[in-house]
N, C-alpha and C. Protein backbone atom coordinates (compact mmCIF):
# COMPACT_ATOMS: atom_id res chain seq x y z
N MET A 1 3.87 -4.63 -15.82
CA MET A 1 3.76 -5.05 -14.46
C MET A 1 5.24 -4.53 -13.95
N ARG A 2 5.72 -4.70 -14.09
CA ARG A 2 7.46 -3.86 -13.70
C ARG A 2 7.84 -3.07 -13.52
N ILE A 3 7.60 -2.06 -15.15
CA ILE A 3 7.96 -1.01 -14.66
C ILE A 3 6.32 -0.32 -13.82
N PHE A 4 5.16 -0.47 -13.74
CA PHE A 4 4.54 0.30 -12.84
C PHE A 4 4.84 -0.01 -11.17
N ILE A 5 5.60 -0.82 -10.82
CA ILE A 5 6.08 -0.92 -9.65
C ILE A 5 7.63 0.11 -9.44
N ILE A 6 7.72 -0.28 -10.57
CA ILE A 6 8.99 0.63 -10.12
C ILE A 6 8.85 2.10 -10.08
N ILE A 7 7.65 2.62 -10.55
CA ILE A 7 7.58 3.95 -11.05
C ILE A 7 7.27 4.09 -9.76
N ILE A 8 5.99 3.55 -9.30
CA ILE A 8 5.62 3.30 -7.77
C ILE A 8 6.57 3.31 -6.75
N ALA A 9 7.80 2.94 -6.63
CA ALA A 9 8.93 2.52 -5.59
C ALA A 9 9.60 3.93 -6.33
N ILE A 10 9.51 4.64 -6.84
CA ILE A 10 10.54 6.30 -7.29
C ILE A 10 9.65 7.42 -6.82
N LEU A 11 8.66 7.26 -7.20
CA LEU A 11 7.67 8.07 -6.38
C LEU A 11 7.63 8.50 -5.25
N SER A 12 7.34 7.39 -4.25
CA SER A 12 6.89 7.01 -2.71
C SER A 12 8.98 7.42 -1.95
N LEU A 13 9.90 7.27 -3.15
CA LEU A 13 11.14 7.62 -2.52
C LEU A 13 11.09 8.75 -2.65
N LEU A 14 10.86 10.10 -3.83
CA LEU A 14 10.63 10.91 -3.91
C LEU A 14 10.07 12.24 -2.96
N SER A 15 7.95 11.00 -2.71
CA SER A 15 7.60 11.47 -1.39
C SER A 15 8.04 11.84 -0.25
N LEU A 16 9.10 10.77 0.24
CA LEU A 16 9.70 10.17 1.06
C LEU A 16 10.52 11.56 1.48
N ASN A 17 11.75 11.99 0.56
CA ASN A 17 12.59 12.89 0.06
C ASN A 17 11.83 14.25 0.62
N ALA A 18 10.95 14.69 0.08
CA ALA A 18 11.00 15.81 0.21
C ALA A 18 10.19 16.14 1.24
N CYS A 19 10.54 15.21 2.33
CA CYS A 19 9.97 16.38 3.51
C CYS A 19 11.42 16.78 4.46
N GLY A 20 12.43 16.47 3.68
CA GLY A 20 13.84 16.81 3.97
C GLY A 20 14.04 15.95 5.15
N PRO A 21 15.09 16.07 5.40
CA PRO A 21 15.66 15.59 6.78
C PRO A 21 15.58 15.93 7.51
N LEU A 22 15.72 14.59 8.99
CA LEU A 22 15.08 15.53 9.96
C LEU A 22 15.94 16.21 10.84
N LYS A 23 15.93 16.98 11.77
CA LYS A 23 16.88 17.64 12.17
C LYS A 23 16.32 17.61 13.72
N TYR A 24 17.59 16.76 14.41
CA TYR A 24 16.93 17.30 16.03
C TYR A 24 18.15 18.19 16.33
N LYS A 25 17.72 19.25 17.77
CA LYS A 25 18.27 20.01 18.23
C LYS A 25 18.96 18.98 19.37
N LYS A 26 20.60 19.51 19.63
CA LYS A 26 20.87 18.64 21.11
C LYS A 26 20.34 20.26 21.81
N VAL A 27 20.35 18.90 23.04
CA VAL A 27 20.04 20.00 24.35
C VAL A 27 20.18 19.36 25.67
N SER A 28 19.97 20.02 26.24
CA SER A 28 21.52 19.41 27.46
C SER A 28 19.96 19.38 28.97
N ALA A 29 20.58 18.31 29.28
CA ALA A 29 19.54 17.20 30.53
C ALA A 29 19.49 18.42 31.66
N LYS A 30 20.26 19.21 31.81
CA LYS A 30 20.79 20.80 32.59
C LYS A 30 19.44 21.36 32.43
N ASP A 31 18.78 21.79 30.96
CA ASP A 31 17.20 22.55 30.86
C ASP A 31 16.12 21.67 31.26
N PHE A 32 16.18 20.22 31.70
CA PHE A 32 15.17 19.85 32.10
C PHE A 32 15.70 19.77 33.38
N PRO A 33 14.18 19.92 33.90
CA PRO A 33 14.03 18.72 35.96
C PRO A 33 13.85 17.71 35.54
N PRO A 34 14.24 17.01 36.68
CA PRO A 34 14.42 15.73 36.49
C PRO A 34 13.19 15.16 36.90
N ASP A 35 12.66 15.81 37.77
CA ASP A 35 10.90 14.64 37.65
C ASP A 35 10.23 14.90 36.86
N PRO A 36 9.41 13.86 36.44
CA PRO A 36 8.18 14.14 35.78
C PRO A 36 7.13 14.88 35.75
N LYS A 37 7.41 15.36 36.81
CA LYS A 37 5.67 15.69 37.24
C LYS A 37 6.49 17.32 37.46
N GLU A 38 7.72 18.00 37.55
CA GLU A 38 7.75 19.07 36.71
C GLU A 38 8.26 19.39 36.03
N ARG A 39 8.62 18.22 35.08
CA ARG A 39 8.84 18.94 33.27
C ARG A 39 6.95 18.71 32.49
N ILE A 40 6.61 18.36 33.34
CA ILE A 40 5.35 18.58 33.19
C ILE A 40 4.94 19.82 33.24
N LYS A 41 5.15 19.72 34.44
CA LYS A 41 4.38 21.74 34.80
C LYS A 41 5.10 22.20 33.84
N LYS A 42 6.49 22.43 33.70
CA LYS A 42 7.03 23.59 32.78
C LYS A 42 6.38 23.29 31.37
N ASN A 43 6.24 22.26 30.82
CA ASN A 43 5.55 22.18 29.67
C ASN A 43 4.52 22.81 28.99
N MET A 44 3.75 22.88 30.40
CA MET A 44 2.02 23.25 30.14
C MET A 44 2.39 24.65 30.37
N GLU A 45 3.26 24.83 31.44
CA GLU A 45 3.19 26.21 31.60
C GLU A 45 3.77 27.40 30.05
N GLU A 46 4.11 26.24 29.69
CA GLU A 46 4.75 27.37 28.50
C GLU A 46 3.70 26.91 27.15
N GLY A 47 3.14 25.81 26.95
CA GLY A 47 2.29 25.51 25.99
C GLY A 47 2.91 24.54 24.80
N ARG A 48 3.59 23.98 25.72
CA ARG A 48 4.00 22.90 24.74
C ARG A 48 3.02 21.12 25.32
N GLY A 49 2.54 21.54 25.67
CA GLY A 49 1.79 20.24 25.78
C GLY A 49 0.50 19.86 25.89
N PHE A 50 -0.50 18.93 26.23
CA PHE A 50 -1.55 18.79 26.65
C PHE A 50 -1.73 17.58 26.83
N ARG A 51 -2.90 17.55 27.90
CA ARG A 51 -3.12 16.07 28.44
C ARG A 51 -4.85 15.58 28.19
N ILE A 52 -4.57 14.21 27.77
CA ILE A 52 -5.81 13.89 27.10
C ILE A 52 -5.96 12.69 28.41
N LEU A 53 -5.81 12.12 29.26
CA LEU A 53 -6.18 11.58 30.23
C LEU A 53 -5.89 12.64 32.09
N GLY A 54 -5.85 13.50 31.95
CA GLY A 54 -5.01 14.60 32.93
C GLY A 54 -6.01 14.15 33.87
N ASP A 55 -5.18 14.73 35.43
CA ASP A 55 -6.25 14.09 36.48
C ASP A 55 -7.09 15.33 36.54
N ASN A 56 -8.55 14.90 37.01
CA ASN A 56 -9.29 16.03 37.26
C ASN A 56 -9.17 17.28 38.28
N LYS A 57 -8.22 16.40 39.10
CA LYS A 57 -7.95 17.77 40.43
C LYS A 57 -7.31 18.75 40.24
N LYS A 58 -6.19 18.78 39.08
CA LYS A 58 -5.41 19.67 38.56
C LYS A 58 -5.15 20.14 37.62
N GLY A 59 -6.11 19.51 36.84
CA GLY A 59 -5.99 19.89 35.55
C GLY A 59 -7.87 21.12 35.36
N THR A 60 -7.42 21.43 33.93
CA THR A 60 -8.62 22.36 34.25
C THR A 60 -10.07 21.41 32.96
N ASN A 61 -11.12 21.40 33.19
CA ASN A 61 -12.21 20.26 32.12
C ASN A 61 -13.07 20.94 31.94
N TYR A 62 -12.66 21.21 30.38
CA TYR A 62 -13.28 22.26 30.02
C TYR A 62 -14.49 21.10 28.60
N GLU A 63 -16.14 21.65 29.10
CA GLU A 63 -17.34 21.04 28.44
C GLU A 63 -17.75 21.44 27.77
N PHE A 64 -17.42 22.62 27.13
CA PHE A 64 -18.18 23.80 26.19
C PHE A 64 -18.26 24.87 27.37
N ALA A 65 -19.63 25.57 28.01
CA ALA A 65 -20.63 25.86 28.13
C ALA A 65 -20.14 26.30 29.67
N SER A 66 -19.27 24.62 30.19
CA SER A 66 -19.84 24.79 31.60
C SER A 66 -18.38 25.21 32.38
N SER A 67 -17.93 25.94 32.11
CA SER A 67 -16.76 26.92 32.09
C SER A 67 -17.08 28.40 32.49
N ASN A 68 -17.88 28.30 32.05
CA ASN A 68 -18.84 29.98 31.70
C ASN A 68 -19.68 30.65 32.68
N PRO A 69 -19.53 30.72 33.68
CA PRO A 69 -20.12 31.19 34.77
C PRO A 69 -21.34 32.10 34.84
N LEU A 70 -21.45 33.17 33.22
CA LEU A 70 -22.43 33.62 32.84
C LEU A 70 -23.95 32.84 31.86
N TRP A 71 -23.18 32.44 31.58
CA TRP A 71 -23.53 31.19 30.38
C TRP A 71 -24.84 29.94 31.55
N ARG A 72 -23.75 29.39 32.32
CA ARG A 72 -23.70 29.33 33.80
C ARG A 72 -24.92 29.61 34.16
N ALA A 73 -25.24 30.43 34.66
CA ALA A 73 -25.77 31.47 35.93
C ALA A 73 -27.14 31.91 35.25
N THR A 74 -27.13 32.18 33.17
CA THR A 74 -28.07 32.01 32.75
C THR A 74 -28.83 30.97 32.73
N LEU A 75 -28.87 30.03 32.41
CA LEU A 75 -29.38 28.46 32.46
C LEU A 75 -30.29 28.62 33.78
N ASP A 76 -29.07 28.57 34.67
CA ASP A 76 -29.19 28.47 36.64
C ASP A 76 -31.25 29.01 36.47
N THR A 77 -31.19 30.47 36.32
CA THR A 77 -31.74 31.49 36.84
C THR A 77 -33.29 31.28 35.63
N LEU A 78 -32.53 30.38 34.23
CA LEU A 78 -34.13 30.18 33.54
C LEU A 78 -34.72 29.09 33.80
N ASN A 79 -34.25 28.70 34.40
CA ASN A 79 -34.10 26.27 34.83
C ASN A 79 -35.54 26.58 35.19
N PHE A 80 -36.33 27.31 35.33
CA PHE A 80 -38.03 26.86 34.92
C PHE A 80 -38.45 26.84 33.60
N MET A 81 -38.15 27.02 32.97
CA MET A 81 -38.76 27.59 31.58
C MET A 81 -38.04 26.39 31.04
N PRO A 82 -38.84 25.59 29.55
CA PRO A 82 -38.88 25.32 28.95
C PRO A 82 -37.58 25.67 28.00
N LEU A 83 -36.40 24.78 26.82
CA LEU A 83 -35.55 25.62 26.28
C LEU A 83 -35.73 25.30 25.16
N VAL A 84 -35.87 26.18 24.49
CA VAL A 84 -35.77 25.44 22.93
C VAL A 84 -34.71 25.76 22.07
N SER A 85 -33.47 26.55 22.07
CA SER A 85 -32.23 26.64 21.69
C SER A 85 -31.22 26.71 22.80
N ALA A 86 -30.27 26.48 23.02
CA ALA A 86 -29.05 27.05 23.64
C ALA A 86 -27.78 26.91 23.20
N ASN A 87 -27.44 28.03 22.62
CA ASN A 87 -26.65 26.92 20.92
C ASN A 87 -25.29 28.16 21.65
N TYR A 88 -24.10 27.89 22.05
CA TYR A 88 -23.09 28.60 23.26
C TYR A 88 -21.54 28.65 22.62
N SER A 89 -22.23 28.19 20.91
CA SER A 89 -20.95 29.09 20.22
C SER A 89 -22.05 29.94 19.19
N GLY A 90 -23.13 30.11 18.99
CA GLY A 90 -24.11 31.86 18.39
C GLY A 90 -23.89 32.66 19.89
N GLY A 91 -24.21 32.31 20.84
CA GLY A 91 -24.30 33.14 21.92
C GLY A 91 -25.36 33.79 22.14
N ILE A 92 -26.28 32.33 22.40
CA ILE A 92 -27.83 32.76 22.48
C ILE A 92 -28.66 31.46 22.82
N VAL A 93 -29.37 32.09 23.63
CA VAL A 93 -30.46 31.02 24.24
C VAL A 93 -31.72 31.83 24.47
N ILE A 94 -32.86 31.04 24.14
CA ILE A 94 -33.97 31.22 23.28
C ILE A 94 -34.86 29.69 24.24
N THR A 95 -35.90 30.42 25.58
CA THR A 95 -36.44 29.68 25.50
C THR A 95 -38.08 29.50 25.14
N ASP A 96 -38.58 27.91 25.16
CA ASP A 96 -40.27 27.83 25.21
C ASP A 96 -41.21 28.78 25.10
N TRP A 97 -42.18 28.53 24.71
CA TRP A 97 -43.94 29.48 25.41
C TRP A 97 -43.56 29.43 26.70
N TYR A 98 -44.17 30.03 27.45
CA TYR A 98 -43.99 29.18 29.20
C TYR A 98 -45.40 30.55 29.10
N SER A 99 -46.62 29.49 29.89
CA SER A 99 -47.59 30.38 31.06
C SER A 99 -47.87 29.05 31.74
N GLU A 100 -47.73 30.34 32.98
CA GLU A 100 -47.79 29.67 34.43
C GLU A 100 -49.39 29.74 34.65
N ASN A 101 -50.50 30.41 34.46
CA ASN A 101 -52.13 30.29 35.06
C ASN A 101 -52.56 30.66 33.31
N SER A 102 -52.35 31.41 33.34
CA SER A 102 -53.23 31.98 31.88
C SER A 102 -52.99 31.55 30.43
N PRO A 103 -54.40 30.09 29.95
CA PRO A 103 -54.01 29.44 28.86
C PRO A 103 -53.80 30.69 27.81
N THR A 104 -54.41 31.74 28.06
CA THR A 104 -54.17 32.99 26.63
C THR A 104 -53.64 33.97 26.37
N GLU A 105 -51.79 33.29 27.52
CA GLU A 105 -51.45 34.46 27.68
C GLU A 105 -50.01 33.93 28.06
N SER A 106 -48.75 33.96 27.28
CA SER A 106 -47.55 32.90 27.71
C SER A 106 -46.28 34.27 27.60
N ILE A 107 -44.92 34.02 27.48
CA ILE A 107 -44.19 34.17 27.28
C ILE A 107 -42.97 33.82 26.72
N LYS A 108 -42.34 34.36 26.32
CA LYS A 108 -40.84 33.50 25.80
C LYS A 108 -39.67 34.66 25.77
N ILE A 109 -38.37 34.17 26.50
CA ILE A 109 -37.17 35.08 27.14
C ILE A 109 -36.22 34.44 26.32
N THR A 110 -35.28 35.51 25.49
CA THR A 110 -34.57 35.23 24.64
C THR A 110 -33.02 35.84 25.31
N VAL A 111 -31.76 35.47 25.67
CA VAL A 111 -30.64 36.26 25.85
C VAL A 111 -29.95 36.28 25.49
N ARG A 112 -29.38 36.74 24.44
CA ARG A 112 -28.10 37.36 23.67
C ARG A 112 -26.84 38.10 24.58
N PHE A 113 -26.00 36.75 24.57
CA PHE A 113 -24.90 36.92 25.14
C PHE A 113 -23.56 37.61 24.32
N LEU A 114 -22.96 38.98 24.83
CA LEU A 114 -22.19 40.00 24.20
C LEU A 114 -21.25 40.18 24.37
N THR A 115 -20.74 39.27 25.36
CA THR A 115 -19.09 39.02 25.94
C THR A 115 -19.20 38.00 27.13
N ASN A 116 -18.13 37.79 27.41
CA ASN A 116 -18.27 36.86 28.52
C ASN A 116 -17.51 36.99 29.44
N GLU A 117 -17.86 38.73 30.12
CA GLU A 117 -17.15 39.03 30.19
C GLU A 117 -18.50 39.01 31.18
N ILE A 118 -18.19 39.30 32.54
CA ILE A 118 -19.19 39.58 33.70
C ILE A 118 -19.50 40.95 34.38
N ARG A 119 -20.39 41.99 33.41
CA ARG A 119 -20.67 42.84 33.09
C ARG A 119 -21.93 43.62 32.88
N SER A 120 -22.19 44.48 33.12
CA SER A 120 -24.22 45.02 32.81
C SER A 120 -24.43 45.28 31.41
N ASP A 121 -23.33 45.69 30.56
CA ASP A 121 -23.55 45.37 29.21
C ASP A 121 -23.27 43.66 28.57
N ALA A 122 -23.23 42.90 29.18
CA ALA A 122 -22.52 41.56 28.90
C ALA A 122 -23.99 40.91 27.72
N ILE A 123 -24.85 40.84 28.27
CA ILE A 123 -26.36 40.60 27.84
C ILE A 123 -27.23 41.57 27.89
N LYS A 124 -28.40 41.02 26.36
CA LYS A 124 -29.20 41.29 26.44
C LYS A 124 -30.52 40.48 26.63
N ILE A 125 -31.57 40.99 27.35
CA ILE A 125 -32.77 39.86 27.67
C ILE A 125 -33.89 40.62 26.41
N THR A 126 -34.04 39.57 26.01
CA THR A 126 -35.71 39.65 25.39
C THR A 126 -36.23 39.44 25.04
N ILE A 127 -38.14 39.70 25.84
CA ILE A 127 -39.25 38.70 26.34
C ILE A 127 -40.47 39.27 25.39
N HIS A 128 -40.79 38.42 24.53
CA HIS A 128 -41.18 38.24 23.77
C HIS A 128 -43.34 37.98 25.02
N LYS A 129 -43.89 38.23 24.64
CA LYS A 129 -45.52 38.00 25.05
C LYS A 129 -46.97 37.55 23.96
N LYS A 130 -46.94 36.57 24.14
CA LYS A 130 -48.40 36.63 23.19
C LYS A 130 -49.36 36.01 23.42
N ILE A 131 -50.58 36.64 23.09
CA ILE A 131 -52.04 37.01 23.38
C ILE A 131 -52.84 36.14 22.78
N CYS A 132 -53.53 35.25 23.19
CA CYS A 132 -54.11 35.33 22.26
C CYS A 132 -55.99 35.01 22.83
N ASN A 133 -56.98 34.96 21.80
CA ASN A 133 -58.10 34.88 21.99
C ASN A 133 -58.65 34.00 21.97
N SER A 134 -59.87 33.41 21.84
CA SER A 134 -60.99 32.46 22.34
C SER A 134 -60.39 31.55 20.18
N MET A 135 -60.50 32.92 19.77
CA MET A 135 -60.25 31.83 18.00
C MET A 135 -59.38 31.66 18.19
N ASN A 136 -57.74 31.21 18.74
CA ASN A 136 -56.94 31.00 18.11
C ASN A 136 -56.03 32.23 17.34
N ASN A 137 -56.52 33.14 17.15
CA ASN A 137 -55.59 34.34 16.79
C ASN A 137 -55.08 34.85 18.20
N CYS A 138 -53.80 34.72 17.46
CA CYS A 138 -52.56 35.28 18.66
C CYS A 138 -51.79 36.43 18.25
N LYS A 139 -51.47 37.42 19.20
CA LYS A 139 -50.32 38.50 18.66
C LYS A 139 -49.44 38.71 20.22
N THR A 140 -48.35 38.64 19.03
CA THR A 140 -47.14 38.66 19.91
C THR A 140 -46.29 39.80 19.54
N ASN A 141 -45.56 40.50 21.16
CA ASN A 141 -45.23 41.69 21.30
C ASN A 141 -43.86 41.30 21.98
N ILE A 142 -43.02 42.74 21.50
CA ILE A 142 -42.27 42.47 22.39
C ILE A 142 -42.66 42.91 23.78
N VAL A 143 -41.35 42.74 25.46
CA VAL A 143 -41.77 43.64 25.58
C VAL A 143 -40.85 43.80 26.65
N GLU A 144 -41.16 45.62 26.60
CA GLU A 144 -40.23 46.86 27.66
C GLU A 144 -40.65 47.22 28.95
N ASN A 145 -39.99 46.17 29.78
CA ASN A 145 -40.38 46.53 31.59
C ASN A 145 -39.44 46.05 32.02
N SER A 146 -39.74 46.52 33.45
CA SER A 146 -38.61 45.88 34.63
C SER A 146 -38.56 44.50 34.93
N THR A 147 -39.51 43.84 33.90
CA THR A 147 -39.42 42.49 34.50
C THR A 147 -37.45 41.53 33.35
N ASN A 148 -37.69 42.64 32.07
CA ASN A 148 -35.98 42.20 31.47
C ASN A 148 -34.63 42.76 32.38
N ASN A 149 -35.27 43.90 32.87
CA ASN A 149 -34.13 44.66 33.98
C ASN A 149 -33.99 42.85 35.42
N GLU A 150 -34.91 43.10 35.37
CA GLU A 150 -34.66 42.45 36.46
C GLU A 150 -33.92 40.29 36.32
N ILE A 151 -34.59 40.13 35.15
CA ILE A 151 -33.83 39.20 35.12
C ILE A 151 -32.32 39.11 34.36
N LYS A 152 -31.63 40.17 33.95
CA LYS A 152 -30.42 40.77 33.81
C LYS A 152 -29.66 40.69 34.97
N ILE A 153 -30.06 41.48 35.54
CA ILE A 153 -29.71 41.44 37.39
C ILE A 153 -29.64 39.67 38.05
N ALA A 154 -30.48 39.19 38.40
CA ALA A 154 -30.92 37.76 38.48
C ALA A 154 -29.80 36.85 38.30
N ILE A 155 -29.07 37.57 36.49
CA ILE A 155 -28.14 36.99 36.16
C ILE A 155 -27.29 36.72 36.34
N LEU A 156 -27.23 37.83 36.32
CA LEU A 156 -25.82 39.24 36.76
C LEU A 156 -25.03 38.10 37.88
N LYS A 157 -26.36 38.46 39.23
CA LYS A 157 -25.99 38.40 40.59
C LYS A 157 -25.33 36.68 40.64
N ARG A 158 -25.55 35.77 40.08
CA ARG A 158 -25.92 34.18 39.57
C ARG A 158 -24.53 33.68 39.56
N ALA A 159 -24.43 35.12 38.64
CA ALA A 159 -22.98 34.58 38.06
C ALA A 159 -21.49 34.56 38.65
N ALA A 160 -21.95 36.00 39.52
CA ALA A 160 -20.19 36.47 40.46
C ALA A 160 -20.57 35.87 41.44
N GLN A 161 -21.56 34.74 42.20
CA GLN A 161 -21.27 34.14 43.43
C GLN A 161 -20.88 32.39 41.86
N LEU A 162 -21.63 32.62 40.51
CA LEU A 162 -20.19 30.92 39.80
C LEU A 162 -18.74 31.61 39.95
N LYS A 163 -18.85 32.17 39.67
CA LYS A 163 -17.48 32.70 39.79
C LYS A 163 -16.23 33.28 40.81
N LYS A 164 -16.89 33.09 41.61
CA LYS A 164 -16.82 33.50 43.98
C LYS A 164 -15.76 32.15 43.44
N ILE A 165 -17.39 31.26 43.78
CA ILE A 165 -17.15 29.95 44.13
C ILE A 165 -15.86 29.14 43.23
N ASP A 166 -16.01 29.05 41.62
CA ASP A 166 -14.93 28.63 40.81
C ASP A 166 -13.37 29.01 41.63
N PHE A 167 -13.10 30.32 41.28
CA PHE A 167 -11.97 30.92 42.21
C PHE A 167 -11.05 30.56 43.52
N ALA A 168 -12.69 30.29 44.24
CA ALA A 168 -12.07 29.66 45.91
C ALA A 168 -11.70 28.21 45.27
N LYS A 169 -12.59 27.17 44.66
CA LYS A 169 -12.32 25.99 44.41
C LYS A 169 -10.63 25.99 43.53
N THR A 170 -10.18 26.65 42.89
CA THR A 170 -9.66 26.44 42.39
C THR A 170 -8.20 27.12 42.70
N LYS A 171 -8.24 28.20 43.99
CA LYS A 171 -7.44 27.95 44.65
C LYS A 171 -7.28 27.47 45.88
N GLU A 172 -8.24 26.41 46.41
CA GLU A 172 -7.92 25.41 47.15
C GLU A 172 -7.30 24.12 45.93
N GLU A 173 -7.88 23.70 44.90
CA GLU A 173 -7.02 22.57 44.28
C GLU A 173 -5.67 23.03 44.05
N ASN A 174 -5.31 24.52 44.19
CA ASN A 174 -3.40 24.93 43.98
C ASN A 174 -3.13 25.25 44.73
N SER A 175 -3.33 25.27 45.94
CA SER A 175 -2.84 25.65 46.75
C SER A 175 -1.15 24.73 47.54
N ASP A 176 -1.33 23.62 46.78
CA ASP A 176 -0.05 22.89 47.09
C ASP A 176 0.83 23.56 45.98
N VAL A 177 0.96 24.09 45.07
CA VAL A 177 1.86 24.84 44.67
C VAL A 177 2.24 26.05 44.89
N ASN A 178 3.44 26.05 44.88
CA ASN A 178 4.21 27.53 45.69
C ASN A 178 4.48 28.41 44.44
N LEU A 179 3.76 29.52 45.63
CA LEU A 179 3.84 30.85 43.75
C LEU A 179 4.39 31.88 45.21
N PRO A 180 5.35 32.92 44.35
CA PRO A 180 5.69 33.92 45.08
C PRO A 180 4.38 34.58 45.59
N LYS A 181 5.19 35.47 46.61
CA LYS A 181 4.31 35.55 47.91
C LYS A 181 3.60 37.56 47.43
N ASN A 182 4.63 38.00 46.23
CA ASN A 182 3.46 38.47 45.53
C ASN A 182 2.84 38.90 44.49
N PHE A 183 2.15 36.98 44.70
CA PHE A 183 1.67 36.59 43.71
C PHE A 183 0.08 36.64 43.79
């Protein structure tokens, strides 16, 4: 039993020694601002920090797609239809079959995100139309008409509005920060 304890102690010492001696850099207090808020700001600008419970009015609060205006605009535009899938990481939104007045006809819209930038080729809209007869035999076709383009334009307009609102809000929140005049 003693040999077992000795072996474990030796292995523990070797594993701790494998990390190497800790090296500390000498730093001067002159390199760091005395105000803690200024140090935090400097560290965040240099990418050397993170916030766990930062204040909401100055920090960025990313909750998956909530920061992407194109994504939010798509969900706003298609809010009248039930969603089957909304996969932000996959870049796709798929609605369920939707019929307003006709029990035999329904549509399904798929929005594929090709980029996060707000531009005309950022999204691809696909509309499927399902027509069923009285015997419940259904036929599904892809629709290529002006509705695709109308939905795309509505999404892009809403995304531009959301981006403008976000920009104004960010500018207002950061108005207390002194930026250079040419910024």
